[in-house]
């Protein structure tokens, strides 16, 4: 049973997932399913990015390869997926975090416009 809903904002996540091989896609979808169905998502699957206001990364590992999918909560039950990348360094690159924060701001700006504010 789902405890929260996961959606992708615009084309960012889809652009990323389509260029991955089937094994990687399946692993990413497995992590997304865990985010949707587990009451408490383990931090090895979903982790808050320190120093940000509500930005999270879904963490995917397959063998020695690592991927990150940025996301955030809109309310209690909605998780919004954004940009993603294959991680090659120990720390998450600042430019990737900046890009995610920009997309998150874009999401909230569009939401405000839709609600007529």
N, C-alpha and C. Protein backbone atom coordinates (compact mmCIF):
# COMPACT_ATOMS: atom_id res chain seq x y z
N UNK A 1 0.84 -1.19 0.00
CA UNK A 1 0.00 0.00 0.00
C UNK A 1 0.88 1.26 0.00
N UNK A 2 0.48 2.24 -0.77
CA UNK A 2 1.26 3.47 -0.85
C UNK A 2 0.94 4.38 0.34
N UNK A 3 1.99 4.95 0.91
CA UNK A 3 1.81 5.91 2.00
C UNK A 3 2.07 7.34 1.50
N UNK A 4 2.68 7.45 0.32
CA UNK A 4 2.87 8.76 -0.28
C UNK A 4 2.90 8.62 -1.80
N UNK A 5 2.71 9.71 -2.47
CA UNK A 5 2.69 9.72 -3.93
C UNK A 5 3.98 10.35 -4.44
N UNK A 6 4.55 9.76 -5.47
CA UNK A 6 5.76 10.29 -6.09
C UNK A 6 5.41 10.74 -7.50
N UNK A 7 5.76 11.99 -7.82
CA UNK A 7 5.54 12.50 -9.17
C UNK A 7 6.86 13.08 -9.69
N UNK A 8 6.95 13.22 -11.00
CA UNK A 8 8.12 13.86 -11.60
C UNK A 8 7.69 15.24 -12.08
N UNK A 9 8.49 16.25 -11.78
CA UNK A 9 8.21 17.62 -12.22
C UNK A 9 8.84 17.85 -13.58
N UNK A 10 8.01 18.25 -14.53
CA UNK A 10 8.43 18.51 -15.91
C UNK A 10 9.19 17.33 -16.49
N UNK A 11 10.24 17.59 -17.24
CA UNK A 11 10.97 16.55 -18.00
C UNK A 11 12.28 16.12 -17.35
N UNK A 12 12.65 16.75 -16.25
CA UNK A 12 14.00 16.56 -15.70
C UNK A 12 14.32 15.10 -15.37
N UNK A 13 13.46 14.46 -14.61
CA UNK A 13 13.70 13.06 -14.22
C UNK A 13 13.62 12.14 -15.43
N UNK A 14 12.61 12.37 -16.26
CA UNK A 14 12.42 11.51 -17.44
C UNK A 14 13.63 11.57 -18.38
N UNK A 15 14.17 12.77 -18.60
CA UNK A 15 15.36 12.93 -19.44
C UNK A 15 16.50 12.06 -18.93
N UNK A 16 16.64 12.01 -17.62
CA UNK A 16 17.71 11.23 -17.00
C UNK A 16 17.45 9.73 -17.11
N UNK A 17 16.27 9.30 -16.74
CA UNK A 17 15.96 7.86 -16.67
C UNK A 17 16.03 7.19 -18.05
N UNK A 18 15.63 7.93 -19.08
CA UNK A 18 15.59 7.35 -20.43
C UNK A 18 16.98 7.01 -20.98
N UNK A 19 18.01 7.66 -20.49
CA UNK A 19 19.36 7.37 -21.01
C UNK A 19 20.09 6.30 -20.19
N UNK A 20 19.44 5.79 -19.14
CA UNK A 20 20.05 4.75 -18.30
C UNK A 20 19.71 3.37 -18.87
N UNK A 21 20.56 2.39 -18.57
CA UNK A 21 20.24 1.05 -19.03
C UNK A 21 19.13 0.44 -18.16
N UNK A 22 18.58 -0.67 -18.60
CA UNK A 22 17.43 -1.29 -17.93
C UNK A 22 17.71 -1.65 -16.48
N UNK A 23 18.90 -2.17 -16.20
CA UNK A 23 19.25 -2.53 -14.82
C UNK A 23 19.20 -1.31 -13.90
N UNK A 24 19.75 -0.21 -14.36
CA UNK A 24 19.77 1.03 -13.57
C UNK A 24 18.34 1.55 -13.41
N UNK A 25 17.58 1.56 -14.49
CA UNK A 25 16.18 2.00 -14.42
C UNK A 25 15.41 1.19 -13.38
N UNK A 26 15.56 -0.13 -13.43
CA UNK A 26 14.85 -0.99 -12.48
C UNK A 26 15.24 -0.69 -11.04
N UNK A 27 16.52 -0.46 -10.81
CA UNK A 27 16.99 -0.15 -9.45
C UNK A 27 16.42 1.19 -8.98
N UNK A 28 16.39 2.18 -9.86
CA UNK A 28 15.83 3.50 -9.52
C UNK A 28 14.35 3.37 -9.19
N UNK A 29 13.63 2.61 -10.01
CA UNK A 29 12.19 2.44 -9.76
C UNK A 29 11.94 1.68 -8.45
N UNK A 30 12.84 0.78 -8.09
CA UNK A 30 12.73 0.04 -6.82
C UNK A 30 12.86 1.01 -5.63
N UNK A 31 13.80 1.94 -5.72
CA UNK A 31 13.99 2.94 -4.66
C UNK A 31 12.77 3.87 -4.59
N UNK A 32 12.24 4.26 -5.74
CA UNK A 32 11.04 5.11 -5.77
C UNK A 32 9.86 4.38 -5.13
N UNK A 33 9.75 3.09 -5.43
CA UNK A 33 8.69 2.28 -4.82
C UNK A 33 8.83 2.24 -3.30
N UNK A 34 10.07 2.13 -2.81
CA UNK A 34 10.31 2.15 -1.36
C UNK A 34 9.87 3.49 -0.77
N UNK A 35 10.17 4.58 -1.46
CA UNK A 35 9.76 5.91 -0.99
C UNK A 35 8.24 6.00 -0.93
N UNK A 36 7.56 5.39 -1.90
CA UNK A 36 6.09 5.42 -1.94
C UNK A 36 5.45 4.55 -0.86
N UNK A 37 6.07 3.43 -0.52
CA UNK A 37 5.38 2.43 0.30
C UNK A 37 5.86 2.32 1.75
N UNK A 38 7.10 2.71 2.03
CA UNK A 38 7.61 2.56 3.40
C UNK A 38 7.22 3.76 4.25
N UNK A 39 6.69 3.48 5.43
CA UNK A 39 6.31 4.55 6.36
C UNK A 39 7.54 5.39 6.73
N UNK A 40 8.61 4.70 7.06
CA UNK A 40 9.88 5.37 7.37
C UNK A 40 10.92 4.92 6.34
N UNK A 41 11.31 5.83 5.48
CA UNK A 41 12.26 5.49 4.41
C UNK A 41 13.68 5.55 4.99
N UNK A 42 14.45 4.46 4.88
CA UNK A 42 15.82 4.46 5.42
C UNK A 42 16.69 5.53 4.76
N UNK A 43 17.63 6.09 5.52
CA UNK A 43 18.47 7.16 4.98
C UNK A 43 19.42 6.68 3.88
N UNK A 44 19.61 5.37 3.75
CA UNK A 44 20.42 4.90 2.62
C UNK A 44 19.61 4.94 1.31
N UNK A 45 18.31 5.19 1.39
CA UNK A 45 17.45 5.38 0.20
C UNK A 45 17.12 6.84 -0.03
N UNK A 46 16.90 7.59 1.04
CA UNK A 46 16.45 8.98 0.91
C UNK A 46 17.10 9.79 2.02
N UNK A 47 17.84 10.83 1.64
CA UNK A 47 18.58 11.61 2.63
C UNK A 47 18.42 13.09 2.37
N UNK A 48 18.22 13.85 3.47
CA UNK A 48 18.12 15.32 3.38
C UNK A 48 19.50 15.88 3.05
N UNK A 49 19.53 16.87 2.17
CA UNK A 49 20.79 17.53 1.83
C UNK A 49 21.02 18.63 2.87
N UNK A 50 22.05 18.47 3.66
CA UNK A 50 22.37 19.42 4.74
C UNK A 50 22.59 20.81 4.16
N UNK A 51 22.04 21.81 4.83
CA UNK A 51 22.23 23.20 4.40
C UNK A 51 21.19 23.66 3.39
N UNK A 52 20.19 22.82 3.11
CA UNK A 52 19.12 23.22 2.18
C UNK A 52 17.79 23.19 2.92
N UNK A 53 16.84 23.88 2.34
CA UNK A 53 15.50 23.93 2.93
C UNK A 53 14.61 22.90 2.25
N UNK A 54 14.71 21.66 2.71
CA UNK A 54 13.81 20.62 2.22
C UNK A 54 14.23 19.85 0.99
N UNK A 55 15.47 19.98 0.57
CA UNK A 55 15.95 19.22 -0.59
C UNK A 55 16.48 17.86 -0.13
N UNK A 56 16.06 16.82 -0.84
CA UNK A 56 16.48 15.44 -0.54
C UNK A 56 17.11 14.83 -1.77
N UNK A 57 17.86 13.74 -1.53
CA UNK A 57 18.36 12.96 -2.65
C UNK A 57 17.97 11.51 -2.44
N UNK A 58 17.38 10.92 -3.47
CA UNK A 58 17.15 9.48 -3.48
C UNK A 58 18.48 8.87 -3.89
N UNK A 59 18.90 7.86 -3.14
CA UNK A 59 20.23 7.30 -3.32
C UNK A 59 20.15 5.92 -3.96
N UNK A 60 20.79 5.79 -5.11
CA UNK A 60 20.75 4.54 -5.86
C UNK A 60 22.18 4.03 -6.03
N UNK A 61 22.39 2.76 -5.73
CA UNK A 61 23.71 2.16 -5.93
C UNK A 61 23.53 0.81 -6.61
N UNK A 62 24.34 0.59 -7.62
CA UNK A 62 24.33 -0.67 -8.35
C UNK A 62 25.78 -1.03 -8.59
N UNK A 63 26.25 -2.05 -7.90
CA UNK A 63 27.67 -2.38 -7.96
C UNK A 63 28.45 -1.22 -7.38
N UNK A 64 29.46 -0.75 -8.12
CA UNK A 64 30.26 0.37 -7.62
C UNK A 64 29.76 1.71 -8.18
N UNK A 65 28.68 1.68 -8.95
CA UNK A 65 28.12 2.91 -9.52
C UNK A 65 27.05 3.50 -8.61
N UNK A 66 27.03 4.83 -8.55
CA UNK A 66 26.09 5.54 -7.68
C UNK A 66 25.37 6.61 -8.48
N UNK A 67 24.06 6.73 -8.24
CA UNK A 67 23.25 7.77 -8.85
C UNK A 67 22.50 8.50 -7.76
N UNK A 68 22.14 9.75 -8.04
CA UNK A 68 21.32 10.54 -7.12
C UNK A 68 20.17 11.16 -7.91
N UNK A 69 18.99 11.10 -7.30
CA UNK A 69 17.81 11.75 -7.87
C UNK A 69 17.35 12.76 -6.83
N UNK A 70 17.37 14.04 -7.18
CA UNK A 70 16.93 15.07 -6.25
C UNK A 70 15.41 15.08 -6.18
N UNK A 71 14.91 15.35 -4.99
CA UNK A 71 13.46 15.41 -4.78
C UNK A 71 13.17 16.24 -3.55
N UNK A 72 11.88 16.52 -3.33
CA UNK A 72 11.46 17.24 -2.14
C UNK A 72 10.02 16.86 -1.84
N UNK A 73 9.61 17.14 -0.63
CA UNK A 73 8.23 16.87 -0.21
C UNK A 73 7.41 18.12 -0.42
N UNK A 74 6.25 17.96 -1.04
CA UNK A 74 5.27 19.05 -1.12
C UNK A 74 4.13 18.60 -0.21
N UNK A 75 4.12 19.09 1.00
CA UNK A 75 3.18 18.60 1.99
C UNK A 75 3.71 17.30 2.58
N UNK A 76 2.83 16.55 3.22
CA UNK A 76 3.24 15.32 3.89
C UNK A 76 3.38 14.13 2.95
N UNK A 77 2.53 14.09 1.93
CA UNK A 77 2.36 12.85 1.17
C UNK A 77 2.83 12.89 -0.28
N UNK A 78 3.36 14.04 -0.74
CA UNK A 78 3.75 14.13 -2.15
C UNK A 78 5.25 14.34 -2.25
N UNK A 79 5.91 13.48 -3.00
CA UNK A 79 7.34 13.61 -3.25
C UNK A 79 7.51 13.98 -4.72
N UNK A 80 8.27 15.04 -4.97
CA UNK A 80 8.46 15.55 -6.33
C UNK A 80 9.88 15.24 -6.77
N UNK A 81 10.02 14.47 -7.85
CA UNK A 81 11.33 14.12 -8.42
C UNK A 81 11.78 15.22 -9.38
N UNK A 82 13.09 15.45 -9.37
CA UNK A 82 13.63 16.49 -10.26
C UNK A 82 14.83 15.93 -11.02
N UNK A 83 15.89 16.73 -11.09
CA UNK A 83 17.08 16.32 -11.84
C UNK A 83 17.82 15.19 -11.13
N UNK A 84 18.66 14.51 -11.90
CA UNK A 84 19.41 13.37 -11.37
C UNK A 84 20.76 13.33 -12.08
N UNK A 85 21.69 12.60 -11.50
CA UNK A 85 23.02 12.49 -12.11
C UNK A 85 23.72 11.24 -11.58
N UNK A 86 24.75 10.82 -12.30
CA UNK A 86 25.58 9.72 -11.81
C UNK A 86 26.69 10.35 -10.98
N UNK A 87 26.85 9.85 -9.78
CA UNK A 87 27.80 10.42 -8.83
C UNK A 87 29.18 9.82 -9.06
N UNK A 88 30.17 10.70 -9.22
CA UNK A 88 31.54 10.25 -9.49
C UNK A 88 32.51 10.66 -8.38
N UNK A 89 32.05 11.55 -7.49
CA UNK A 89 32.92 12.04 -6.42
C UNK A 89 32.27 11.77 -5.07
N UNK A 90 33.04 11.93 -4.01
CA UNK A 90 32.54 11.68 -2.66
C UNK A 90 31.40 12.64 -2.29
N UNK A 91 31.61 13.92 -2.57
CA UNK A 91 30.60 14.91 -2.22
C UNK A 91 29.67 15.16 -3.41
N UNK A 92 28.40 15.46 -3.11
CA UNK A 92 27.47 15.83 -4.17
C UNK A 92 27.89 17.19 -4.73
N UNK A 93 28.11 17.28 -6.04
CA UNK A 93 28.58 18.55 -6.63
C UNK A 93 27.62 19.72 -6.34
N UNK A 94 28.21 20.86 -5.98
CA UNK A 94 27.42 22.05 -5.65
C UNK A 94 26.55 22.52 -6.82
N UNK A 95 27.06 22.37 -8.05
CA UNK A 95 26.28 22.81 -9.21
C UNK A 95 25.03 21.95 -9.38
N UNK A 96 25.09 20.67 -9.02
CA UNK A 96 23.91 19.80 -9.09
C UNK A 96 22.88 20.21 -8.03
N UNK A 97 23.36 20.55 -6.83
CA UNK A 97 22.47 21.01 -5.76
C UNK A 97 21.82 22.33 -6.17
N UNK A 98 22.61 23.25 -6.73
CA UNK A 98 22.09 24.55 -7.17
C UNK A 98 21.01 24.36 -8.23
N UNK A 99 21.25 23.45 -9.16
CA UNK A 99 20.28 23.16 -10.21
C UNK A 99 18.98 22.64 -9.60
N UNK A 100 19.09 21.73 -8.63
CA UNK A 100 17.91 21.17 -7.97
C UNK A 100 17.13 22.25 -7.23
N UNK A 101 17.83 23.14 -6.54
CA UNK A 101 17.16 24.22 -5.80
C UNK A 101 16.44 25.16 -6.77
N UNK A 102 17.03 25.39 -7.93
CA UNK A 102 16.41 26.25 -8.95
C UNK A 102 15.12 25.59 -9.47
N UNK A 103 15.17 24.28 -9.71
CA UNK A 103 13.99 23.55 -10.20
C UNK A 103 12.90 23.54 -9.12
N UNK A 104 13.31 23.37 -7.87
CA UNK A 104 12.35 23.38 -6.76
C UNK A 104 11.64 24.74 -6.69
N UNK A 105 12.38 25.83 -6.85
CA UNK A 105 11.80 27.18 -6.85
C UNK A 105 10.84 27.33 -8.03
N UNK A 106 11.22 26.79 -9.18
CA UNK A 106 10.37 26.83 -10.37
C UNK A 106 9.04 26.11 -10.10
N UNK A 107 9.11 24.97 -9.44
CA UNK A 107 7.90 24.20 -9.09
C UNK A 107 6.96 25.04 -8.23
N UNK A 108 7.51 25.64 -7.17
CA UNK A 108 6.67 26.42 -6.26
C UNK A 108 6.12 27.69 -6.92
N UNK A 109 6.90 28.31 -7.80
CA UNK A 109 6.42 29.50 -8.54
C UNK A 109 5.24 29.12 -9.43
N UNK A 110 5.35 28.00 -10.12
CA UNK A 110 4.25 27.55 -10.99
C UNK A 110 3.03 27.18 -10.17
N UNK A 111 3.25 26.57 -9.01
CA UNK A 111 2.14 26.20 -8.14
C UNK A 111 1.38 27.45 -7.64
N UNK A 112 2.15 28.50 -7.31
CA UNK A 112 1.53 29.76 -6.89
C UNK A 112 0.67 30.36 -8.01
N UNK A 113 1.22 30.33 -9.23
CA UNK A 113 0.48 30.87 -10.39
C UNK A 113 -0.81 30.08 -10.61
N UNK A 114 -0.72 28.75 -10.51
CA UNK A 114 -1.91 27.89 -10.72
C UNK A 114 -3.00 28.20 -9.69
N UNK A 115 -2.56 28.51 -8.47
CA UNK A 115 -3.53 28.79 -7.41
C UNK A 115 -3.99 30.24 -7.42
N UNK A 116 -3.53 30.99 -8.42
CA UNK A 116 -3.98 32.36 -8.59
C UNK A 116 -3.40 33.35 -7.58
N UNK A 117 -2.25 33.04 -7.03
CA UNK A 117 -1.61 33.96 -6.06
C UNK A 117 -0.51 34.75 -6.71
